């Protein structure tokens, strides 16, 4: 069967009616359904209702299509322009980035393992470093930005991993931090990273409470414990002074605590408090034992 001139002209018109953006939009829809591993040029053509090889008219290779998809997805991720603190902006950025990337299984893993310099990957990297430099991180901004990006890509890759159909056991996470592979788990780890960054922020002597809501000062219980320890030390010093000033018991009258004689049923066992003069105060009889 031969193709007539009218059908050929119709196909050509259909091709010229499309553009690269429509091809990329169709490809992202395919990835959202089947993941990066299921993306083929044939699948993209079918999404558009074209012949299997028609997509190559706009996109020369599958590798080029990967980069176009990544750029299109990252285009939707932006750093807030509000007057919020830098750490609040950072948190919002990565929470939204995780939500966006999670819609396209395999894309984060692709970004993690391959260097991509598309317009929007470069834009986001530059804006992220600018945000961190504005917070005072200076030369550390690049390494810090990379740590956050690797955490994002790594987490989403883990989150979108296929389930093991042969698995017979699962880890027990009850009672611990939020489950790995969940949105709550992601923000838990993100807050820890942000808190670590705040503690390295130049000029920070008392971190206080971060914009993410994590308390960064010493917990009250720790401070109370330190106070109690100080009070105990003071008490011990006072006891020592008292023992030094008092009249010691004659050597013939010490309690036989070391002779192996069992204590009576109703008699409390001697519990001693060491002093700085080598004596021990008996808790049961108040006797000073040298």
Protein backbone atom coordinates (compact mmCIF):
# COMPACT_ATOMS: atom_id res chain seq x y z
CA UNK A 1 0.00 0.00 0.00
CA UNK A 2 1.44 3.36 -1.00
CA UNK A 3 1.07 6.60 0.85
CA UNK A 4 -0.76 9.27 -1.07
CA UNK A 5 0.33 12.92 -1.24
CA UNK A 6 -2.59 14.05 0.92
CA UNK A 7 -1.66 11.68 3.81
CA UNK A 8 2.01 12.67 3.58
CA UNK A 9 1.15 16.37 3.77
CA UNK A 10 -1.12 15.71 6.76
CA UNK A 11 1.70 13.95 8.62
CA UNK A 12 4.08 16.79 7.88
CA UNK A 13 1.58 19.34 9.14
CA UNK A 14 1.15 17.26 12.30
CA UNK A 15 4.89 17.27 12.89
CA UNK A 16 5.24 20.98 12.43
CA UNK A 17 2.33 21.56 14.82
CA UNK A 18 4.44 20.03 17.63
CA UNK A 19 7.49 21.44 19.35
CA UNK A 20 10.15 20.28 21.78
CA UNK A 21 8.15 21.34 24.81
CA UNK A 22 5.23 19.12 23.86
CA UNK A 23 7.61 16.19 23.43
CA UNK A 24 9.09 16.83 26.88
CA UNK A 25 5.66 17.17 28.49
CA UNK A 26 4.63 13.85 26.95
CA UNK A 27 7.85 12.23 28.18
CA UNK A 28 7.32 13.46 31.76
CA UNK A 29 3.83 11.97 31.72
CA UNK A 30 5.29 8.64 30.66
CA UNK A 31 7.90 8.80 33.46
CA UNK A 32 5.21 9.63 36.02
CA UNK A 33 3.38 6.44 35.02
CA UNK A 34 6.18 3.95 34.46
CA UNK A 35 9.35 5.58 35.79
CA UNK A 36 12.61 6.43 34.04
CA UNK A 37 13.33 2.75 33.37
CA UNK A 38 10.14 2.48 31.34
CA UNK A 39 10.81 5.56 29.23
CA UNK A 40 11.37 4.87 25.53
CA UNK A 41 11.11 7.01 22.44
CA UNK A 42 8.41 4.65 21.25
CA UNK A 43 6.39 5.29 24.44
CA UNK A 44 6.71 9.05 23.97
CA UNK A 45 5.57 8.79 20.36
CA UNK A 46 2.59 6.68 21.42
CA UNK A 47 1.71 9.31 24.05
CA UNK A 48 1.52 11.87 21.25
CA UNK A 49 -0.17 9.58 18.77
CA UNK A 50 2.83 9.59 16.42
CA UNK A 51 4.75 6.84 14.67
CA UNK A 52 7.42 5.08 16.75
CA UNK A 53 10.35 7.03 15.24
CA UNK A 54 8.67 10.41 15.01
CA UNK A 55 10.04 11.68 18.36
CA UNK A 56 13.58 11.69 16.97
CA UNK A 57 12.53 14.57 14.74
CA UNK A 58 12.73 16.89 17.80
CA UNK A 59 14.94 15.00 20.28
CA UNK A 60 18.06 13.30 18.87
CA UNK A 61 18.53 10.67 21.58
CA UNK A 62 17.15 9.17 24.75
CA UNK A 63 20.02 10.70 26.72
CA UNK A 64 19.08 14.16 25.46
CA UNK A 65 15.48 13.45 26.43
CA UNK A 66 16.56 12.59 29.98
CA UNK A 67 18.19 15.99 30.37
CA UNK A 68 15.17 17.79 28.96
CA UNK A 69 12.89 15.96 31.42
CA UNK A 70 15.16 16.78 34.37
CA UNK A 71 15.29 20.44 33.36
CA UNK A 72 11.51 20.63 32.98
CA UNK A 73 10.91 19.12 36.43
CA UNK A 74 13.51 21.29 38.18
CA UNK A 75 12.04 24.38 36.52
CA UNK A 76 9.06 24.02 38.88
CA UNK A 77 11.28 24.20 41.99
CA UNK A 78 12.11 27.68 43.22
CA UNK A 79 13.64 29.29 46.29
CA UNK A 80 11.23 31.53 48.18
CA UNK A 81 11.66 35.27 47.64
CA UNK A 82 10.10 36.11 51.01
CA UNK A 83 11.84 37.79 53.94
CA UNK A 84 11.96 34.56 55.95
CA UNK A 85 15.21 33.42 57.60
CA UNK A 86 17.60 31.43 55.41
CA UNK A 87 16.94 28.15 57.22
CA UNK A 88 13.17 28.45 56.74
CA UNK A 89 13.70 29.09 53.01
CA UNK A 90 16.04 26.12 52.79
CA UNK A 91 13.51 23.84 54.44
CA UNK A 92 10.68 24.94 52.15
CA UNK A 93 12.89 24.51 49.08
CA UNK A 94 13.82 20.91 49.82
CA UNK A 95 10.38 19.87 51.05
CA UNK A 96 8.87 21.08 47.77
CA UNK A 97 11.74 19.57 45.74
CA UNK A 98 11.19 16.17 47.34
CA UNK A 99 7.46 16.30 46.60
CA UNK A 100 8.12 17.21 42.95
CA UNK A 101 10.86 14.65 42.29
CA UNK A 102 8.91 11.86 43.99
CA UNK A 103 6.32 12.08 41.21
CA UNK A 104 8.87 10.79 38.69
CA UNK A 105 10.38 7.45 39.81
CA UNK A 106 14.02 7.06 38.87
CA UNK A 107 14.64 10.71 37.99
CA UNK A 108 16.36 11.57 41.29
CA UNK A 109 18.61 8.53 40.95
CA UNK A 110 19.54 9.63 37.44
CA UNK A 111 20.42 13.11 38.74
CA UNK A 112 22.43 11.60 41.60
CA UNK A 113 24.62 9.44 39.38
CA UNK A 114 25.16 11.65 36.38
CA UNK A 115 26.46 15.18 35.97
CA UNK A 116 23.80 17.37 34.40
CA UNK A 117 24.29 21.02 33.49
CA UNK A 118 20.92 22.08 32.20
CA UNK A 119 19.67 25.67 32.62
CA UNK A 120 17.57 24.84 35.67
CA UNK A 121 20.08 22.57 37.42
CA UNK A 122 22.62 25.40 37.16
CA UNK A 123 20.04 27.98 38.26
CA UNK A 124 19.09 26.03 41.37
CA UNK A 125 22.70 25.35 42.34
CA UNK A 126 23.60 29.03 41.99
CA UNK A 127 20.53 30.22 43.92
CA UNK A 128 21.17 27.72 46.69
CA UNK A 129 24.77 28.81 47.09
CA UNK A 130 23.72 32.47 47.03
CA UNK A 131 21.26 31.77 49.85
CA UNK A 132 23.94 30.09 51.95
CA UNK A 133 26.52 32.78 51.27
CA UNK A 134 23.96 35.37 52.30
CA UNK A 135 23.68 33.50 55.60
CA UNK A 136 27.43 33.96 56.11
CA UNK A 137 28.80 30.55 55.12
CA UNK A 138 31.28 31.96 52.61
CA UNK A 139 33.64 29.32 51.18
CA UNK A 140 31.65 26.51 52.80
CA UNK A 141 28.52 27.37 50.79
CA UNK A 142 29.41 25.09 47.87
CA UNK A 143 30.10 22.00 49.98
CA UNK A 144 27.05 22.67 52.14
CA UNK A 145 24.79 23.05 49.09
CA UNK A 146 26.11 19.78 47.69
CA UNK A 147 25.38 17.98 50.96
CA UNK A 148 21.74 19.08 50.85
CA UNK A 149 21.33 18.18 47.16
CA UNK A 150 22.86 14.72 47.62
CA UNK A 151 20.56 14.13 50.60
CA UNK A 152 17.56 15.11 48.46
CA UNK A 153 18.45 12.90 45.49
CA UNK A 154 19.51 10.01 47.69
CA UNK A 155 16.36 10.11 49.79
CA UNK A 156 13.99 10.26 46.83
CA UNK A 157 15.90 7.43 45.13
CA UNK A 158 15.47 5.35 48.28
CA UNK A 159 11.84 6.34 48.58
CA UNK A 160 11.04 5.33 44.99
CA UNK A 161 12.94 2.05 45.02
CA UNK A 162 10.86 -0.94 43.90
CA UNK A 163 9.54 -3.23 46.60
CA UNK A 164 11.14 -6.64 47.01
CA UNK A 165 8.46 -9.18 46.04
CA UNK A 166 10.37 -11.97 47.82
CA UNK A 167 10.85 -10.12 51.11
CA UNK A 168 9.69 -12.12 54.13
CA UNK A 169 10.84 -9.75 56.87
CA UNK A 170 10.75 -6.01 57.41
CA UNK A 171 12.66 -3.84 59.92
CA UNK A 172 10.91 -2.88 63.12
CA UNK A 173 10.76 0.91 63.35
CA UNK A 174 8.16 1.31 66.08
CA UNK A 175 8.94 3.76 68.84
CA UNK A 176 11.82 5.34 66.92
CA UNK A 177 12.19 8.27 64.53
CA UNK A 178 9.79 8.65 61.58
CA UNK A 179 9.83 5.79 59.10
CA UNK A 180 12.46 5.91 56.35
CA UNK A 181 10.96 6.43 52.92
CA UNK A 182 8.20 8.76 54.11
CA UNK A 183 7.66 12.51 53.87
CA UNK A 184 7.91 12.77 57.65
CA UNK A 185 11.16 10.84 57.62
CA UNK A 186 12.57 13.17 54.98
CA UNK A 187 11.80 16.32 56.97
CA UNK A 188 13.24 14.70 60.11
CA UNK A 189 16.59 14.21 58.38
CA UNK A 190 16.37 17.59 56.66
CA UNK A 191 15.90 19.36 59.99
CA UNK A 192 18.96 17.59 61.36
CA UNK A 193 21.03 18.78 58.39
CA UNK A 194 19.77 22.34 58.78
CA UNK A 195 20.52 22.28 62.49
CA UNK A 196 24.04 21.04 61.79
CA UNK A 197 24.50 23.88 59.31
CA UNK A 198 23.28 26.45 61.83
CA UNK A 199 25.86 25.28 64.35
CA UNK A 200 28.60 25.90 61.78
CA UNK A 201 27.25 29.30 60.82
CA UNK A 202 30.00 31.91 61.33
CA UNK A 203 29.38 34.25 64.25
CA UNK A 204 26.89 31.91 65.93
CA UNK A 205 27.66 31.55 69.64
CA UNK A 206 24.22 30.62 70.98
CA UNK A 207 22.12 28.96 68.25
CA UNK A 208 18.87 29.26 70.22
CA UNK A 209 15.82 27.93 68.35
CA UNK A 210 15.94 27.46 64.58
CA UNK A 211 13.26 28.54 62.14
CA UNK A 212 12.43 24.85 61.72
CA UNK A 213 11.30 24.72 65.35
CA UNK A 214 14.12 22.52 66.66
CA UNK A 215 15.40 23.67 70.09
CA UNK A 216 19.15 24.04 69.97
CA UNK A 217 19.93 25.10 73.53
CA UNK A 218 20.83 22.65 76.27
CA UNK A 219 17.70 20.79 77.48
CA UNK A 220 16.32 21.89 80.85
CA UNK A 221 16.82 18.40 82.26
CA UNK A 222 20.54 18.59 81.53
CA UNK A 223 20.83 21.98 83.17
CA UNK A 224 18.91 20.71 86.21
CA UNK A 225 21.17 17.70 86.38
CA UNK A 226 24.22 19.95 86.31
CA UNK A 227 22.75 22.06 89.14
CA UNK A 228 22.04 18.95 91.17
CA UNK A 229 25.59 17.73 90.62
CA UNK A 230 26.91 21.08 91.80
CA UNK A 231 24.71 20.90 94.90
CA UNK A 232 25.93 17.37 95.64
CA UNK A 233 29.53 18.49 95.32
CA UNK A 234 28.84 21.38 97.71
CA UNK A 235 27.18 19.01 100.17
CA UNK A 236 30.10 16.61 99.97
CA UNK A 237 32.51 19.47 100.63
CA UNK A 238 30.47 20.49 103.66
CA UNK A 239 30.47 16.94 104.96
CA UNK A 240 34.20 16.77 104.46
CA UNK A 241 34.71 19.96 106.43
CA UNK A 242 32.51 18.69 109.22
CA UNK A 243 34.36 15.40 109.40
CA UNK A 244 37.67 17.21 109.56
CA UNK A 245 36.54 19.50 112.39
CA UNK A 246 34.83 16.84 114.51
CA UNK A 247 36.34 14.49 117.11
CA UNK A 248 37.12 11.09 115.55
CA UNK A 249 35.93 7.91 117.25
CA UNK A 250 38.67 6.02 119.14
CA UNK A 251 40.28 3.23 117.17
CA UNK A 252 38.93 0.56 119.54
CA UNK A 253 35.29 1.36 118.80
CA UNK A 254 34.93 1.17 114.97
CA UNK A 255 32.09 -0.83 113.53
CA UNK A 256 33.32 -4.17 112.23
CA UNK A 257 32.24 -3.53 108.63
CA UNK A 258 34.95 -5.60 107.01
CA UNK A 259 34.98 -8.72 109.25
CA UNK A 260 32.40 -10.56 107.22
CA UNK A 261 29.78 -10.56 110.00
CA UNK A 262 26.31 -10.36 108.39
CA UNK A 263 24.17 -7.37 109.25
CA UNK A 264 21.08 -8.09 111.28
CA UNK A 265 17.71 -8.37 109.56
CA UNK A 266 16.53 -5.05 110.87
CA UNK A 267 19.86 -3.24 110.66
CA UNK A 268 20.53 -1.12 107.58
CA UNK A 269 23.74 -1.84 105.71
CA UNK A 270 26.41 0.85 106.16
CA UNK A 271 26.61 3.12 103.14
CA UNK A 272 29.58 5.45 103.40
CA UNK A 273 30.32 8.92 102.04
CA UNK A 274 33.98 9.41 101.25
CA UNK A 275 35.62 12.53 102.68
CA UNK A 276 38.83 14.29 101.81
CA UNK A 277 40.60 13.07 104.98
CA UNK A 278 40.13 9.37 104.26
CA UNK A 279 37.23 8.81 106.68
CA UNK A 280 33.82 7.31 106.02
CA UNK A 281 30.61 8.40 107.68
CA UNK A 282 28.35 5.49 108.59
CA UNK A 283 24.80 6.03 107.42
CA UNK A 284 23.41 3.60 109.97
CA UNK A 285 25.01 4.89 113.15
CA UNK A 286 26.56 8.22 112.21
CA UNK A 287 29.96 6.88 113.29
CA UNK A 288 33.13 8.12 111.64
CA UNK A 289 35.24 5.15 110.54
CA UNK A 290 38.89 5.66 109.81
